[in-house]
Amino acid sequence: MEHVDNKNPAIPELPGGVRSLLLHTCCAPCAGGILESLVDAGVAVTLYFHNPNIHPRDEYQQRKQEQQGFAAKLGVAFVDADQDPALWFAAVSGLEQEPERGMRCSACFRMRMESTAGFAASHGFEVFATTLGISRWKDLKQVNEAGLAAAKAHPGVAFCPFNWRKSGGSQRMVEVSRREGFYNQQYCGCIFSLRDTNRWRQQRDQALILRDMTEFDRFSKE
């Protein structure tokens, strides 16, 4: 088995010293700095885009296409794990009124990590990770718990619960996003995060984020 000679503290020591990593990505802004650091360290990265929580469809496509483009720029393989958003709504049914970082987010992370772990197991990846935890808006403990639980269902597959924010990771994320001119996302991604973000903005007399979510009216359960 090949090993990575890694001296960069912003890059995790992968379990068993393996050289390849399946990296679940939520978007280019979160993944940019992580991806560049991994590639520079000689890790063979495959990006896995599975985010049925992103609504509406044009928002989803914009985030996915931007990530595809950046992966191509770095010569990194990209897996488009597109899925019917109805399955995501089923997974979070009953949790529509949960706050950010609440039980709905846990269910969302579990769904995405289970998909990533399953792909890793069926395609020969020993280790997977996710970019989700680099965002300060996410609960890192929630993210890592979802990844570790998903890995347990697949013997021979490990989840790497690395804190990408440390060792300058958060600053590198901002720097790469600015340099690349990545799309400035204004909400986490789902219809409920948009709702809550707009409520917060309205309380502060700030302009609302306008998105056409009528295609999801049957799921919203306001």
Foldseek 3Di string as FASTA:
>chain_A
DDAFPDPAPLDDCDVVRDQEEEEEEAFCLLCVLVVVNSVVSRRQYEYEYDQLQFDDPVRVVQRVVRNVVVCVVSVHHYHDPDDHSVVLLVQQPPVLPPDQQDPSVLSRLLVSLLVSLVVCLVPVHQEYEYSVQQDPSYDLVSNVVSNQVSNVVHPSHHYDSDRSNPPCSNVSSVVSCVVVVRDDDDFDGHPSRLVVSQVVCVVVVHDHDDDDPVVCVVSNPD
